[in-house]
Amino acid sequence: MKVAPIAAAFVAYIVLGNLSLNVNPVSFYQVMKIAVAPTVMALELAVYGKLPTPRVVLAVMLVCLGVAAATITDTEMASNLKGLAIGASATLVTAMYQIWAGTKQRELKASSMQLLHQYTPQATLLLGMLIPLMEPVGLARAHTTAAAAAGSFGDGTLLGYHYTPAAVAAILLSAVLGLLVSLSTFLVIGATSSLTYNVVGHVKTVLILTGGCLMFGDTMPPKKLAGIGIAMVGIIW
């Protein structure tokens, strides 16, 4: 039960992160991920009494300024309180999960692989319980006699999906990559800190936003571009 909190935090991090990406623009989703860094710092101070240095505080202030500027330019968020609430919740849960990824290793004197091995079964069980609530499984349609006889569970459902070899390969590849991401998270945080992990990881933010603009025609107003730039200056500093 000592790893139950981090298992629950991992599940919430996955679910809320996916929901945030589903209801929010990609640019705002990435900006909220930038906000994880100052959230980590605030939680470490509030929960563990870890006081950051003035230089770190100043850098985080730059990040927050950039986040605010980039968020205000996103007109879709101005009337999307649901997306804002989900994004903020995802940021808070992600920060707590990353903090526990480090503190639990020290508390339990476990390696990254050992901790991952211990909490994964509990996290898998929790995710399995959430599947019928979050995804269209197709069980309701299967209860009808005609559908059951025809073996039809409905289009767009998990049971009704046609699993081709390519789809199965993509699912397996996604699972392997997910395992590697989780392991690398524990390795980096265990060797450094949650804040350092965020600083290193946010390099991809610029690539995603730039790629969205160049490859998919996403808009990048000057104010949003300036906000992202300010946030990245704070992260690099």
Protein backbone atom coordinates (compact mmCIF):
# COMPACT_ATOMS: atom_id res chain seq x y z
CA MET A 1 0.00 0.00 0.00
CA LYS A 2 3.02 2.31 0.28
CA VAL A 3 3.04 2.75 -3.49
CA ALA A 4 -0.75 3.18 -3.81
CA PRO A 5 -0.56 7.01 -3.82
CA ILE A 6 1.90 7.11 -6.71
CA ALA A 7 -0.16 4.51 -8.60
CA ALA A 8 -3.28 6.67 -8.20
CA ALA A 9 -1.31 9.79 -9.17
CA PHE A 10 -0.03 8.03 -12.29
CA VAL A 11 -3.56 7.06 -13.33
CA ALA A 12 -4.86 10.58 -12.73
CA TYR A 13 -1.88 11.98 -14.67
CA ILE A 14 -2.70 9.75 -17.67
CA VAL A 15 -6.47 10.30 -17.61
CA LEU A 16 -6.45 14.05 -17.00
CA GLY A 17 -3.61 14.57 -19.47
CA ASN A 18 -5.55 12.83 -22.23
CA LEU A 19 -8.75 14.69 -21.33
CA SER A 20 -6.87 18.00 -21.42
CA LEU A 21 -5.49 17.21 -24.86
CA ASN A 22 -9.00 16.22 -26.00
CA VAL A 23 -10.79 19.39 -24.90
CA ASN A 24 -8.02 21.99 -25.27
CA PRO A 25 -6.00 23.32 -28.21
CA VAL A 26 -2.56 21.69 -28.53
CA SER A 27 -0.82 25.00 -27.84
CA PHE A 28 -2.65 25.51 -24.53
CA TYR A 29 -2.03 21.87 -23.61
CA GLN A 30 1.70 22.44 -24.05
CA VAL A 31 1.62 25.71 -22.11
CA MET A 32 -0.05 23.95 -19.17
CA LYS A 33 2.72 21.38 -19.27
CA ILE A 34 5.19 24.25 -18.91
CA ALA A 35 3.25 25.29 -15.81
CA VAL A 36 4.14 21.96 -14.18
CA ALA A 37 7.60 23.34 -13.29
CA PRO A 38 6.38 26.21 -11.07
CA THR A 39 3.71 23.91 -9.65
CA VAL A 40 6.40 21.42 -8.63
CA MET A 41 8.30 24.21 -6.90
CA ALA A 42 5.18 25.44 -5.08
CA LEU A 43 4.21 21.94 -3.90
CA GLU A 44 7.74 21.16 -2.72
CA LEU A 45 7.68 24.35 -0.65
CA ALA A 46 4.17 23.79 0.73
CA VAL A 47 4.45 20.04 1.43
CA TYR A 48 8.16 19.43 2.04
CA GLY A 49 9.40 22.88 3.06
CA LYS A 50 11.95 22.97 0.23
CA LEU A 51 12.83 26.64 -0.33
CA PRO A 52 14.04 27.49 -3.86
CA THR A 53 16.93 29.89 -4.52
CA PRO A 54 16.22 33.45 -5.73
CA ARG A 55 17.57 32.59 -9.18
CA VAL A 56 15.17 29.66 -9.46
CA VAL A 57 12.27 31.85 -8.31
CA LEU A 58 13.12 34.49 -10.91
CA ALA A 59 13.33 31.87 -13.64
CA VAL A 60 9.93 30.46 -12.63
CA MET A 61 8.45 33.98 -12.63
CA LEU A 62 9.54 34.29 -16.26
CA VAL A 63 7.87 30.97 -17.00
CA CYS A 64 4.63 32.10 -15.35
CA LEU A 65 4.70 35.38 -17.28
CA GLY A 66 5.13 33.48 -20.52
CA VAL A 67 2.34 31.07 -19.62
CA ALA A 68 -0.04 33.95 -18.84
CA ALA A 69 0.77 35.75 -22.09
CA ALA A 70 0.37 32.60 -24.18
CA THR A 71 -2.89 31.65 -22.44
CA ILE A 72 -4.54 35.03 -22.90
CA THR A 73 -3.88 34.92 -26.64
CA ASP A 74 -5.70 31.59 -26.90
CA THR A 75 -9.24 32.86 -27.58
CA GLU A 76 -10.65 29.31 -27.45
CA MET A 77 -9.83 29.16 -23.75
CA ALA A 78 -11.63 32.42 -22.91
CA SER A 79 -15.01 30.66 -23.03
CA ASN A 80 -13.84 27.14 -22.19
CA LEU A 81 -13.88 26.93 -18.40
CA LYS A 82 -14.14 23.14 -18.57
CA GLY A 83 -10.90 22.91 -20.53
CA LEU A 84 -9.21 25.33 -18.16
CA ALA A 85 -10.28 23.30 -15.11
CA ILE A 86 -9.14 20.00 -16.64
CA GLY A 87 -5.84 21.52 -17.75
CA ALA A 88 -5.16 22.97 -14.29
CA SER A 89 -6.05 19.67 -12.61
CA ALA A 90 -3.75 17.78 -14.98
CA THR A 91 -0.92 20.18 -14.14
CA LEU A 92 -1.41 19.75 -10.39
CA VAL A 93 -1.61 15.95 -10.55
CA THR A 94 1.40 15.73 -12.88
CA ALA A 95 3.48 17.83 -10.51
CA MET A 96 2.54 15.64 -7.54
CA TYR A 97 3.28 12.45 -9.49
CA GLN A 98 6.72 13.72 -10.46
CA ILE A 99 7.53 14.75 -6.89
CA TRP A 100 6.51 11.33 -5.58
CA ALA A 101 8.59 9.68 -8.30
CA GLY A 102 11.61 11.08 -6.49
CA THR A 103 10.53 11.00 -2.85
CA LYS A 104 9.20 7.43 -2.99
CA GLN A 105 12.51 6.15 -4.34
CA ARG A 106 14.33 7.67 -1.37
CA GLU A 107 11.62 6.74 1.14
CA LEU A 108 11.45 3.08 0.10
CA LYS A 109 15.16 2.86 -0.82
CA ALA A 110 14.12 1.43 -4.18
CA SER A 111 15.61 1.81 -7.62
CA SER A 112 13.68 3.28 -10.53
CA MET A 113 12.90 -0.16 -11.96
CA GLN A 114 11.87 -1.57 -8.56
CA LEU A 115 9.43 1.26 -7.88
CA LEU A 116 8.00 1.03 -11.40
CA HIS A 117 7.57 -2.73 -10.96
CA GLN A 118 5.78 -2.29 -7.63
CA TYR A 119 3.19 0.32 -8.58
CA THR A 120 2.43 -0.81 -12.15
CA PRO A 121 0.00 -3.66 -11.17
CA GLN A 122 -2.07 -1.30 -9.01
CA ALA A 123 -2.07 1.38 -11.70
CA THR A 124 -3.11 -1.18 -14.32
CA LEU A 125 -6.03 -2.31 -12.15
CA LEU A 126 -7.21 1.27 -11.62
CA LEU A 127 -6.98 2.05 -15.33
CA GLY A 128 -8.90 -1.13 -16.13
CA MET A 129 -11.70 -0.08 -13.80
CA LEU A 130 -11.91 3.32 -15.51
CA ILE A 131 -12.12 1.97 -19.07
CA PRO A 132 -15.93 1.32 -19.03
CA LEU A 133 -16.46 4.82 -17.65
CA MET A 134 -14.18 6.67 -20.05
CA GLU A 135 -14.39 4.69 -23.30
CA PRO A 136 -17.24 3.25 -25.45
CA VAL A 137 -16.66 -0.47 -24.81
CA GLY A 138 -19.64 -1.73 -26.82
CA LEU A 139 -21.15 -3.96 -24.11
CA ALA A 140 -24.53 -2.18 -24.17
CA ARG A 141 -25.02 -2.99 -27.86
CA ALA A 142 -23.83 -6.55 -27.33
CA HIS A 143 -26.75 -7.17 -24.95
CA THR A 144 -29.23 -7.03 -27.81
CA THR A 145 -30.02 -10.41 -29.34
CA ALA A 146 -29.57 -9.32 -32.94
CA ALA A 147 -26.24 -7.63 -32.29
CA ALA A 148 -24.94 -10.58 -30.29
CA ALA A 149 -25.95 -13.01 -33.01
CA ALA A 150 -24.23 -10.90 -35.64
CA GLY A 151 -21.19 -10.38 -33.46
CA SER A 152 -21.60 -6.63 -33.83
CA PHE A 153 -20.66 -4.33 -30.97
CA GLY A 154 -21.06 -1.07 -32.87
CA ASP A 155 -18.67 1.14 -34.76
CA GLY A 156 -16.39 3.31 -32.68
CA THR A 157 -16.30 0.93 -29.70
CA LEU A 158 -13.42 -1.07 -28.26
CA LEU A 159 -15.11 -4.42 -28.90
CA GLY A 160 -16.35 -3.35 -32.32
CA TYR A 161 -12.98 -2.11 -33.54
CA HIS A 162 -11.34 -4.13 -36.31
CA TYR A 163 -7.86 -4.95 -35.00
CA THR A 164 -5.61 -5.20 -38.04
CA PRO A 165 -1.97 -6.34 -37.72
CA ALA A 166 -0.88 -2.73 -38.22
CA ALA A 167 -3.19 -1.53 -35.44
CA VAL A 168 -1.97 -4.23 -33.03
CA ALA A 169 1.64 -3.35 -33.86
CA ALA A 170 0.93 0.33 -33.20
CA ILE A 171 -0.69 -0.51 -29.85
CA LEU A 172 2.25 -2.69 -28.79
CA LEU A 173 4.74 -0.03 -29.89
CA SER A 174 2.81 2.58 -27.90
CA ALA A 175 2.94 0.33 -24.83
CA VAL A 176 6.70 -0.16 -25.15
CA LEU A 177 7.29 3.56 -25.62
CA GLY A 178 5.08 4.30 -22.62
CA LEU A 179 7.16 1.93 -20.50
CA LEU A 180 10.37 3.61 -21.64
CA VAL A 181 8.95 7.07 -20.88
CA SER A 182 7.91 5.99 -17.37
CA LEU A 183 11.29 4.38 -16.72
CA SER A 184 13.19 7.41 -18.00
CA THR A 185 11.04 9.65 -15.80
CA PHE A 186 12.03 7.72 -12.69
CA LEU A 187 15.68 7.51 -13.75
CA VAL A 188 16.05 11.25 -14.40
CA ILE A 189 14.09 12.36 -11.34
CA GLY A 190 15.90 9.84 -9.13
CA ALA A 191 19.28 11.12 -10.30
CA THR A 192 18.39 14.84 -10.28
CA SER A 193 15.06 16.35 -9.22
CA SER A 194 11.49 16.88 -10.41
CA LEU A 195 12.23 20.49 -11.34
CA THR A 196 15.30 19.53 -13.38
CA TYR A 197 13.25 16.87 -15.17
CA ASN A 198 10.75 19.53 -16.23
CA VAL A 199 13.44 21.93 -17.40
CA VAL A 200 15.07 19.25 -19.54
CA GLY A 201 11.78 17.92 -20.88
CA HIS A 202 10.30 21.22 -22.05
CA VAL A 203 12.68 21.53 -24.99
CA LYS A 204 10.10 19.61 -27.02
CA THR A 205 7.50 22.32 -26.36
CA VAL A 206 9.11 24.66 -28.87
CA LEU A 207 9.37 21.86 -31.42
CA ILE A 208 5.68 20.92 -31.08
CA LEU A 209 4.39 24.48 -31.32
CA THR A 210 6.72 25.30 -34.21
CA GLY A 211 5.84 22.06 -35.97
CA GLY A 212 2.12 22.75 -35.55
CA CYS A 213 2.60 26.16 -37.13
CA LEU A 214 4.82 25.03 -40.02
CA MET A 215 3.28 21.65 -40.83
CA PHE A 216 -0.40 21.95 -39.88
CA GLY A 217 -1.09 25.66 -40.31
CA ASP A 218 -1.75 26.40 -36.63
CA THR A 219 -1.94 30.10 -35.88
CA MET A 220 0.88 31.69 -33.90
CA PRO A 221 -0.06 35.30 -33.04
CA PRO A 222 2.83 37.57 -32.00
CA LYS A 223 1.62 37.73 -28.40
CA LYS A 224 1.47 33.95 -28.07
CA LEU A 225 4.88 33.63 -29.70
CA ALA A 226 6.30 36.19 -27.27
CA GLY A 227 4.72 34.36 -24.33
CA ILE A 228 6.21 31.03 -25.36
CA GLY A 229 9.57 32.73 -25.90
CA ILE A 230 9.52 34.30 -22.43
CA ALA A 231 8.56 30.98 -20.85
CA MET A 232 11.39 29.18 -22.61
CA VAL A 233 13.90 31.86 -21.52
CA GLY A 234 12.89 31.20 -17.93
CA ILE A 235 13.21 27.45 -18.38
CA ILE A 236 16.64 27.68 -20.01
CA TRP A 237 17.86 30.12 -17.38
